[in-house]
Protein backbone atom coordinates (compact mmCIF):
# COMPACT_ATOMS: atom_id res chain seq x y z
CA UNK A 1 90.00 115.02 84.44
CA UNK A 2 86.79 113.04 85.96
CA UNK A 3 84.45 115.11 83.90
CA UNK A 4 85.74 114.22 80.76
CA UNK A 5 84.78 110.52 81.17
CA UNK A 6 81.37 109.81 79.61
CA UNK A 7 79.05 107.92 82.14
CA UNK A 8 78.44 108.68 85.77
CA UNK A 9 79.01 105.43 86.78
CA UNK A 10 82.33 105.52 85.22
CA UNK A 11 83.04 108.93 87.15
CA UNK A 12 82.05 107.27 90.46
CA UNK A 13 84.36 104.37 89.80
CA UNK A 14 87.35 106.45 89.07
CA UNK A 15 86.52 108.84 92.16
CA UNK A 16 86.54 105.35 94.32
CA UNK A 17 89.84 104.17 92.75
CA UNK A 18 91.25 107.69 93.52
CA UNK A 19 90.08 108.16 97.15
CA UNK A 20 91.89 105.35 98.91
CA UNK A 21 95.30 106.85 97.63
CA UNK A 22 94.43 110.34 98.61
CA UNK A 23 93.12 109.07 102.16
CA UNK A 24 96.54 107.51 102.59
CA UNK A 25 98.42 110.47 101.46
CA UNK A 26 96.66 112.80 103.80
CA UNK A 27 96.68 110.46 106.92
CA UNK A 28 100.56 110.12 106.42
CA UNK A 29 101.05 114.26 106.38
CA UNK A 30 98.39 114.78 108.98
CA UNK A 31 99.89 112.77 111.79
CA UNK A 32 98.22 110.60 114.68
CA UNK A 33 96.26 113.37 116.16
CA UNK A 34 94.15 114.37 113.03
CA UNK A 35 93.79 110.40 112.11
CA UNK A 36 90.12 109.79 113.45
CA UNK A 37 88.81 112.82 111.87
CA UNK A 38 90.50 112.22 108.52
CA UNK A 39 89.55 108.63 108.45
CA UNK A 40 85.90 109.30 109.07
CA UNK A 41 85.80 112.20 106.63
CA UNK A 42 87.25 110.13 103.79
CA UNK A 43 84.93 107.13 104.79
CA UNK A 44 82.07 109.48 104.18
CA UNK A 45 83.37 110.59 100.70
CA UNK A 46 83.86 107.07 99.82
CA UNK A 47 80.22 106.30 100.85
CA UNK A 48 79.07 109.19 98.91
CA UNK A 49 80.43 107.45 95.70
CA UNK A 50 78.79 104.03 96.74
CA UNK A 51 75.33 105.40 97.79
CA UNK A 52 74.01 103.66 94.45
CA UNK A 53 74.41 100.15 96.15
CA UNK A 54 73.80 99.01 99.77
CA UNK A 55 76.92 97.44 100.77
CA UNK A 56 76.72 95.42 103.89
CA UNK A 57 78.63 93.14 106.37
CA UNK A 58 77.74 91.04 109.16
CA UNK A 59 79.29 91.26 112.81
CA UNK A 60 80.32 87.77 112.09
CA UNK A 61 82.26 88.45 108.60
CA UNK A 62 84.70 91.32 109.47
CA UNK A 63 84.60 90.07 113.18
CA UNK A 64 85.65 86.65 112.30
CA UNK A 65 88.90 85.84 114.31
CA UNK A 66 90.44 83.47 112.02
CA UNK A 67 89.28 80.09 113.64
CA UNK A 68 88.85 77.20 111.48
CA UNK A 69 87.99 73.67 112.25
CA UNK A 70 91.71 72.62 112.41
CA UNK A 71 93.10 75.92 114.17
CA UNK A 72 92.46 78.30 116.91
CA UNK A 73 92.01 82.04 116.26
CA UNK A 74 94.59 84.15 114.71
CA UNK A 75 93.13 87.62 115.33
CA UNK A 76 91.95 89.14 118.41
CA UNK A 77 87.98 89.45 118.74
CA UNK A 78 86.49 92.71 117.79
CA UNK A 79 83.65 94.30 119.77
CA UNK A 80 80.39 95.33 117.83
CA UNK A 81 81.31 99.13 118.15
CA UNK A 82 84.81 98.33 117.06
CA UNK A 83 83.28 96.45 113.95
CA UNK A 84 81.18 99.40 113.31
CA UNK A 85 83.92 101.86 113.31
CA UNK A 86 85.79 99.36 110.86
CA UNK A 87 82.74 99.50 108.41
CA UNK A 88 82.41 103.00 108.93
CA UNK A 89 86.17 103.48 107.62
CA UNK A 90 85.55 101.49 104.62
CA UNK A 91 82.29 103.14 103.66
CA UNK A 92 79.89 100.36 104.07
CA UNK A 93 75.91 100.95 104.14
CA UNK A 94 74.96 98.83 106.94
CA UNK A 95 75.71 96.04 109.34
CA UNK A 96 73.88 92.99 110.06
CA UNK A 97 74.03 90.33 113.00
CA UNK A 98 72.90 87.32 114.66
CA UNK A 99 71.21 87.79 118.05
CA UNK A 100 74.15 86.17 119.60
CA UNK A 101 76.86 88.20 117.69
CA UNK A 102 75.61 91.28 119.51
CA UNK A 103 74.13 89.82 122.64
CA UNK A 104 76.02 86.87 124.31
CA UNK A 105 73.47 84.21 124.97
CA UNK A 106 74.06 84.14 128.59
CA UNK A 107 74.08 87.77 129.06
CA UNK A 108 72.33 89.64 131.79
CA UNK A 109 69.36 92.14 131.22
CA UNK A 110 71.82 94.94 132.32
CA UNK A 111 74.80 93.50 130.14
CA UNK A 112 72.23 93.29 127.20
CA UNK A 113 71.15 96.87 127.74
CA UNK A 114 75.00 98.14 127.86
CA UNK A 115 75.77 96.27 124.78
CA UNK A 116 73.00 97.55 122.92
CA UNK A 117 73.45 101.48 123.82
CA UNK A 118 77.07 101.29 122.84
CA UNK A 119 76.48 99.61 119.53
CA UNK A 120 73.58 102.28 118.73
CA UNK A 121 76.10 104.94 119.20
CA UNK A 122 78.52 103.21 117.44
CA UNK A 123 76.17 102.65 114.16
CA UNK A 124 74.88 106.27 114.50
CA UNK A 125 78.62 107.71 114.53
CA UNK A 126 79.48 105.58 111.52
CA UNK A 127 76.29 106.27 109.56
CA UNK A 128 75.35 102.81 109.58
CA UNK A 129 71.87 101.14 109.30
CA UNK A 130 70.91 97.67 110.36
CA UNK A 131 69.20 96.27 107.18
CA UNK A 132 68.88 92.47 108.30
CA UNK A 133 68.78 90.33 111.47
CA UNK A 134 68.91 86.90 112.02
CA UNK A 135 68.95 84.06 114.91
CA UNK A 136 71.91 81.81 115.73
CA UNK A 137 70.14 78.44 115.66
CA UNK A 138 73.13 76.33 115.04
CA UNK A 139 75.87 77.33 117.64
CA UNK A 140 74.59 76.20 121.03
CA UNK A 141 74.52 72.39 121.94
CA UNK A 142 71.03 72.60 122.44
CA UNK A 143 70.58 72.41 118.50
CA UNK A 144 72.89 69.43 117.74
CA UNK A 145 69.87 67.83 116.13
CA UNK A 146 68.27 70.98 114.77
CA UNK A 147 65.91 73.89 115.76
CA UNK A 148 62.47 74.13 114.00
CA UNK A 149 63.10 70.40 112.68
CA UNK A 150 64.29 68.95 115.97
CA UNK A 151 62.88 65.42 117.12
CA UNK A 152 62.44 67.26 120.47
CA UNK A 153 59.19 69.38 120.76
CA UNK A 154 60.56 71.30 123.49
CA UNK A 155 63.65 71.98 121.36
CA UNK A 156 61.42 73.31 118.69
CA UNK A 157 59.61 75.36 120.98
CA UNK A 158 62.86 76.96 122.35
CA UNK A 159 64.14 77.49 118.72
CA UNK A 160 60.69 79.60 117.98
CA UNK A 161 61.10 81.30 121.42
CA UNK A 162 64.55 82.25 120.71
CA UNK A 163 63.76 83.65 117.20
CA UNK A 164 60.54 85.65 118.72
CA UNK A 165 63.29 87.40 121.09
CA UNK A 166 66.01 87.78 118.17
CA UNK A 167 63.24 89.22 116.00
CA UNK A 168 62.51 91.56 118.76
CA UNK A 169 66.24 92.59 118.84
CA UNK A 170 66.29 93.03 115.26
CA UNK A 171 63.32 95.38 115.16
CA UNK A 172 64.57 97.72 117.87
CA UNK A 173 67.40 98.29 115.48
CA UNK A 174 65.44 98.85 112.42
CA UNK A 175 65.86 95.82 110.58
CA UNK A 176 63.18 94.82 108.03
CA UNK A 177 64.67 91.80 106.58
CA UNK A 178 64.83 88.69 108.86
CA UNK A 179 67.25 85.82 107.55
CA UNK A 180 66.55 82.04 108.31
CA UNK A 181 69.52 79.78 107.74
CA UNK A 182 68.90 76.19 108.94
CA UNK A 183 72.59 75.24 109.51
CA UNK A 184 71.48 72.40 111.97
CA UNK A 185 68.24 71.43 109.90
CA UNK A 186 69.15 68.00 108.73
CA UNK A 187 70.70 64.67 109.47
CA UNK A 188 73.88 62.45 109.12
CA UNK A 189 71.49 59.34 108.79
CA UNK A 190 67.90 59.24 107.50
CA UNK A 191 67.27 56.67 110.09
CA UNK A 192 67.23 59.32 112.50
CA UNK A 193 64.48 61.83 111.40
CA UNK A 194 61.53 61.60 108.84
CA UNK A 195 62.10 64.48 106.13
CA UNK A 196 58.46 64.73 105.37
CA UNK A 197 57.99 65.61 109.08
CA UNK A 198 60.91 67.70 109.27
CA UNK A 199 59.37 70.03 106.27
CA UNK A 200 55.81 70.12 108.27
CA UNK A 201 57.86 71.27 111.26
CA UNK A 202 59.67 74.00 109.37
CA UNK A 203 56.50 75.17 107.76
CA UNK A 204 54.84 75.24 111.18
CA UNK A 205 57.50 77.35 112.72
CA UNK A 206 57.64 79.98 109.80
CA UNK A 207 53.92 80.37 109.98
CA UNK A 208 53.97 81.01 113.80
CA UNK A 209 56.78 83.53 113.28
CA UNK A 210 55.04 85.19 110.40
CA UNK A 211 51.99 85.79 112.66
CA UNK A 212 54.17 86.92 115.40
CA UNK A 213 55.82 89.59 113.18
CA UNK A 214 52.43 90.62 111.91
CA UNK A 215 51.00 91.12 115.31
CA UNK A 216 53.92 93.11 116.59
CA UNK A 217 54.02 95.24 113.59
CA UNK A 218 57.59 94.64 112.79
CA UNK A 219 57.08 94.60 108.92
CA UNK A 220 59.65 92.01 108.31
CA UNK A 221 60.15 90.34 105.16
CA UNK A 222 61.77 86.67 105.78
CA UNK A 223 64.38 85.39 103.62
CA UNK A 224 65.28 81.72 103.56
CA UNK A 225 68.95 80.65 102.83
CA UNK A 226 69.65 77.42 101.33
CA UNK A 227 72.88 75.10 101.90
CA UNK A 228 73.38 71.52 100.74
CA UNK A 229 75.55 70.45 103.75
CA UNK A 230 77.98 71.57 106.35
CA UNK A 231 77.56 71.64 109.39
CA UNK A 232 75.13 68.66 108.90
CA UNK A 233 75.93 65.65 106.69
CA UNK A 234 72.84 66.60 104.78
CA UNK A 235 70.78 69.80 105.38
CA UNK A 236 67.23 69.99 104.58
CA UNK A 237 66.31 72.65 101.71
CA UNK A 238 69.62 72.02 100.06
CA UNK A 239 69.18 74.81 97.44
CA UNK A 240 67.39 78.10 96.65
CA UNK A 241 64.86 76.10 94.64
CA UNK A 242 63.91 74.12 97.42
CA UNK A 243 62.68 77.14 99.41
CA UNK A 244 60.91 78.70 96.32
CA UNK A 245 58.91 75.39 96.18
CA UNK A 246 58.00 75.66 99.90
CA UNK A 247 57.10 79.33 99.91
CA UNK A 248 53.62 78.98 98.08
CA UNK A 249 52.84 76.29 100.94
CA UNK A 250 53.15 78.99 103.64
CA UNK A 251 50.43 80.65 105.49
CA UNK A 252 51.90 84.16 104.39
CA UNK A 253 53.74 83.71 101.26
CA UNK A 254 53.72 87.27 100.40
CA UNK A 255 56.15 88.12 103.04
CA UNK A 256 58.66 85.19 102.47
CA UNK A 257 61.56 85.19 99.90
CA UNK A 258 64.85 84.10 99.62
CA UNK A 259 68.66 84.82 100.57
CA UNK A 260 70.89 82.89 98.07
CA UNK A 261 74.53 82.73 98.84
CA UNK A 262 76.94 82.30 96.12
CA UNK A 263 79.19 79.75 98.13
CA UNK A 264 76.21 77.58 99.01
CA UNK A 265 75.13 76.71 95.65
CA UNK A 266 79.04 76.45 94.53
CA UNK A 267 79.31 73.77 97.06
CA UNK A 268 76.79 71.84 95.38
CA UNK A 269 78.40 72.67 92.01
CA UNK A 270 75.53 74.56 90.76
CA UNK A 271 75.35 77.64 88.75
CA UNK A 272 74.32 80.54 91.17
CA UNK A 273 73.40 83.09 88.50
CA UNK A 274 70.73 80.64 87.30
CA UNK A 275 69.36 80.43 91.27
CA UNK A 276 69.36 84.07 91.73
CA UNK A 277 67.40 84.19 88.49
CA UNK A 278 64.73 81.91 89.45
CA UNK A 279 64.25 84.04 92.44
CA UNK A 280 64.08 87.35 90.83
CA UNK A 281 61.42 85.70 88.17
CA UNK A 282 59.27 84.93 90.96
CA UNK A 283 59.93 88.22 92.86
CA UNK A 284 61.27 86.66 95.68
CA UNK A 285 64.76 87.80 95.94
CA UNK A 286 64.69 89.86 99.23
CA UNK A 287 68.34 89.83 100.16
CA UNK A 288 71.67 88.11 98.71
CA UNK A 289 74.84 87.01 100.30
CA UNK A 290 78.09 87.63 98.31
CA UNK A 291 81.25 85.76 98.46
CA UNK A 292 83.10 83.14 96.44
CA UNK A 293 83.88 79.61 96.45
CA UNK A 294 85.60 77.05 94.47
CA UNK A 295 83.29 74.22 93.35
CA UNK A 296 82.77 71.27 95.44
CA UNK A 297 85.05 72.31 98.35
CA UNK A 298 84.03 73.01 102.14
CA UNK A 299 82.33 76.23 102.93
CA UNK A 300 85.35 78.88 102.00
CA UNK A 301 83.62 82.39 102.37
CA UNK A 302 86.29 83.93 100.10
CA UNK A 303 86.17 87.42 99.25
CA UNK A 304 83.52 88.09 96.31
CA UNK A 305 85.03 87.58 93.00
CA UNK A 306 88.29 86.19 94.22
CA UNK A 307 88.09 82.66 92.99
CA UNK A 308 85.35 82.77 89.92
CA UNK A 309 85.44 86.10 88.27
CA UNK A 310 83.33 85.22 85.46
CA UNK A 311 80.59 84.00 87.52
CA UNK A 312 80.83 86.86 89.70
CA UNK A 313 80.75 89.19 86.59
CA UNK A 314 77.35 87.58 85.22
CA UNK A 315 75.88 87.77 88.66
CA UNK A 316 76.50 91.35 89.10
CA UNK A 317 75.12 92.03 85.55
CA UNK A 318 71.95 90.08 86.45
CA UNK A 319 71.40 92.06 89.66
CA UNK A 320 72.31 95.44 87.83
CA UNK A 321 70.09 94.65 84.53
CA UNK A 322 67.23 93.77 87.03
CA UNK A 323 67.61 96.73 89.04
CA UNK A 324 67.74 94.63 92.61
CA UNK A 325 67.79 97.49 95.03
CA UNK A 326 68.18 95.46 98.00
CA UNK A 327 71.13 94.84 100.46
CA UNK A 328 74.35 93.35 98.78
CA UNK A 329 75.50 91.61 101.94
CA UNK A 330 79.15 90.28 101.88
CA UNK A 331 78.95 87.22 104.00
CA UNK A 332 82.60 86.30 103.80
CA UNK A 333 85.70 86.50 105.76
CA UNK A 334 89.38 87.56 105.32
CA UNK A 335 92.18 85.02 105.00
CA UNK A 336 93.06 83.46 108.32
CA UNK A 337 96.67 85.11 108.01
CA UNK A 338 95.10 88.59 107.79
CA UNK A 339 95.93 91.26 110.53
CA UNK A 340 93.25 93.99 111.68
CA UNK A 341 94.27 96.09 108.56
CA UNK A 342 94.30 93.53 105.98
CA UNK A 343 90.68 92.66 107.23
CA UNK A 344 89.79 96.46 106.08
CA UNK A 345 91.27 95.55 102.83
CA UNK A 346 89.13 92.69 102.54
CA UNK A 347 86.07 94.74 103.29
CA UNK A 348 87.24 97.25 100.76
CA UNK A 349 88.00 94.73 98.33
CA UNK A 350 84.74 93.26 98.26
CA UNK A 351 82.94 96.65 97.63
CA UNK A 352 85.66 97.36 94.95
CA UNK A 353 85.26 94.20 93.16
CA UNK A 354 81.39 94.47 92.88
CA UNK A 355 81.75 98.27 91.69
CA UNK A 356 84.32 97.39 88.89
CA UNK A 357 82.12 94.40 87.76
CA UNK A 358 79.03 96.69 87.84
CA UNK A 359 80.93 99.18 85.47
CA UNK A 360 82.02 96.15 83.37
CA UNK A 361 78.34 94.95 82.89
CA UNK A 362 77.33 98.46 81.75
CA UNK A 363 80.28 98.21 78.94
CA UNK A 364 78.89 95.01 77.97
CA UNK A 365 75.58 96.16 77.49
CA UNK A 366 76.75 99.08 75.50
CA UNK A 367 79.10 97.18 73.50
CA UNK A 368 78.04 97.60 69.74
CA UNK A 369 79.70 94.24 68.58
CA UNK A 370 78.02 92.19 71.46
CA UNK A 371 74.97 93.68 71.07
CA UNK A 372 74.95 93.05 67.37
CA UNK A 373 75.73 89.41 67.99
CA UNK A 374 72.77 89.05 70.53
CA UNK A 375 70.34 90.55 67.73
CA UNK A 376 71.78 88.01 65.66
CA UNK A 377 71.32 85.12 67.98
CA UNK A 378 67.80 86.02 69.16
CA UNK A 379 65.23 85.15 66.46
CA UNK A 380 61.80 86.53 67.29
CA UNK A 381 58.53 85.73 65.43
CA UNK A 382 55.73 87.61 66.67
CA UNK A 383 53.10 85.52 65.27
CA UNK A 384 54.52 82.24 66.54
CA UNK A 385 55.07 83.88 69.96
CA UNK A 386 51.48 84.95 70.21
CA UNK A 387 50.59 81.39 69.28
CA UNK A 388 52.57 79.83 72.11
CA UNK A 389 52.03 82.68 74.78
CA UNK A 390 48.64 80.93 76.05
CA UNK A 391 46.77 77.79 75.09
CA UNK A 392 43.46 77.61 72.94
CA UNK A 393 41.76 75.32 70.87
CA UNK A 394 42.44 77.59 67.69
CA UNK A 395 46.14 78.28 68.78
CA UNK A 396 46.72 74.58 69.00
CA UNK A 397 45.51 73.92 65.68
CA UNK A 398 47.52 76.77 64.17
CA UNK A 399 50.64 75.60 65.56
CA UNK A 400 50.05 72.12 64.69
CA UNK A 401 49.79 73.16 60.88
CA UNK A 402 52.75 75.64 61.28
CA UNK A 403 55.49 75.06 58.90
CA UNK A 404 58.70 74.33 61.22
CA UNK A 405 61.65 72.53 59.22
CA UNK A 406 63.83 71.18 61.85
CA UNK A 407 66.57 70.98 59.11
CA UNK A 408 66.36 74.83 58.52
CA UNK A 409 66.07 75.66 62.29
CA UNK A 410 69.40 73.49 62.98
CA UNK A 411 71.20 75.65 60.70
CA UNK A 412 70.95 78.87 62.19
CA UNK A 413 74.12 80.47 63.35
CA UNK A 414 74.73 80.79 66.83
CA UNK A 415 78.31 82.63 67.16
CA UNK A 416 78.45 82.13 71.00
CA UNK A 417 82.41 81.45 70.86
CA UNK A 418 82.86 84.96 69.38
CA UNK A 419 80.44 86.20 72.19
CA UNK A 420 81.99 84.53 74.94
CA UNK A 421 85.45 85.83 73.95
CA UNK A 422 84.10 89.32 73.67
CA UNK A 423 82.80 88.75 77.46
CA UNK A 424 86.13 87.68 78.36
CA UNK A 425 87.93 90.90 77.06
CA UNK A 426 85.52 93.08 78.84
CA UNK A 427 86.26 91.22 81.95
CA UNK A 428 90.08 91.41 81.61
CA UNK A 429 89.85 94.98 80.81
CA UNK A 430 91.31 94.96 77.35
CA UNK A 431 88.10 95.95 75.39
């Protein structure tokens, strides 16, 4: 039956839809003794259908215990090996971590060695990789006024030292992307810190760490993650564009890019697709954090596509159309009410939503009426495009003499309502 479906992506989608039901049926019949092997075998089958995409989760995402600012944890904490087992079960490609997600900040050398040994075994057993690592520069009280931008030179030095050690840790697990989220790099009052000095301090830290990575031969690409506020009242480098402006001023701009996150731009009321498009156009999209977020709210970190499906569709379409091949990291967490099994459903749902939207994006691109509307909407003129592509005295004279009647131009038809309705029908599965 699957062979009758036309496209390969559609076959994979149907197989992915079918596997969870088949898995549950086999497990129910096989009994408890066969459960570990059956679960792993079906996870491998699911992963085979997903290998086109590099779906990843952080230790802090599926490992989130359900704590929020107003309530204590609702789930028992999971060890890193247990999280690796869960991600193996759902067919993920990889797992990412902050340094202290894996190694507690006060761990002894022996404790750290034991933790690393157990985690290496777990990721190997589950067929996972570690594409990205990062540093927790926001949780400990020492960073209460920032890390790289702190007013205290010793705190700034400690932040760089901690990051160097965390980079060592990430490299030990094979990570090639290193994310920087400046969660405490900001202020509540501008009386506290000079923002120009803060930018200079941040640049100095990144330049130092780039040189460290090069000297150690880590091969890291640095990816900067923006956020407008929370936990600070105002965070420096509030949006992805802020980092895109910073990167050309760095010592090694070629190894620096961005890690945009859906929720962080939606918090500021921005169109996330446009932020990602800017990064793609500049060839600076090194990593991406997928989740969902109601506009203008606190950092909700909902499951991808669960709040703004139309935005999610156009994001997936953008990534697929431009053949983004990097990790697709779900930086989100399950609802606070979820138990362990429901956290698994959160992870599976994140992957499944992306795959469904990828399939719908392919349908949109293949839809004859939609493509006809796009041809009608886009009016190309090769002669004029040649004139405006690059400036010359001759081109300027020709353009000034061109017959461009604004009244005629204003009457060009733009059937955007029809185009948008067809888009909605694709998304809702009725077309």
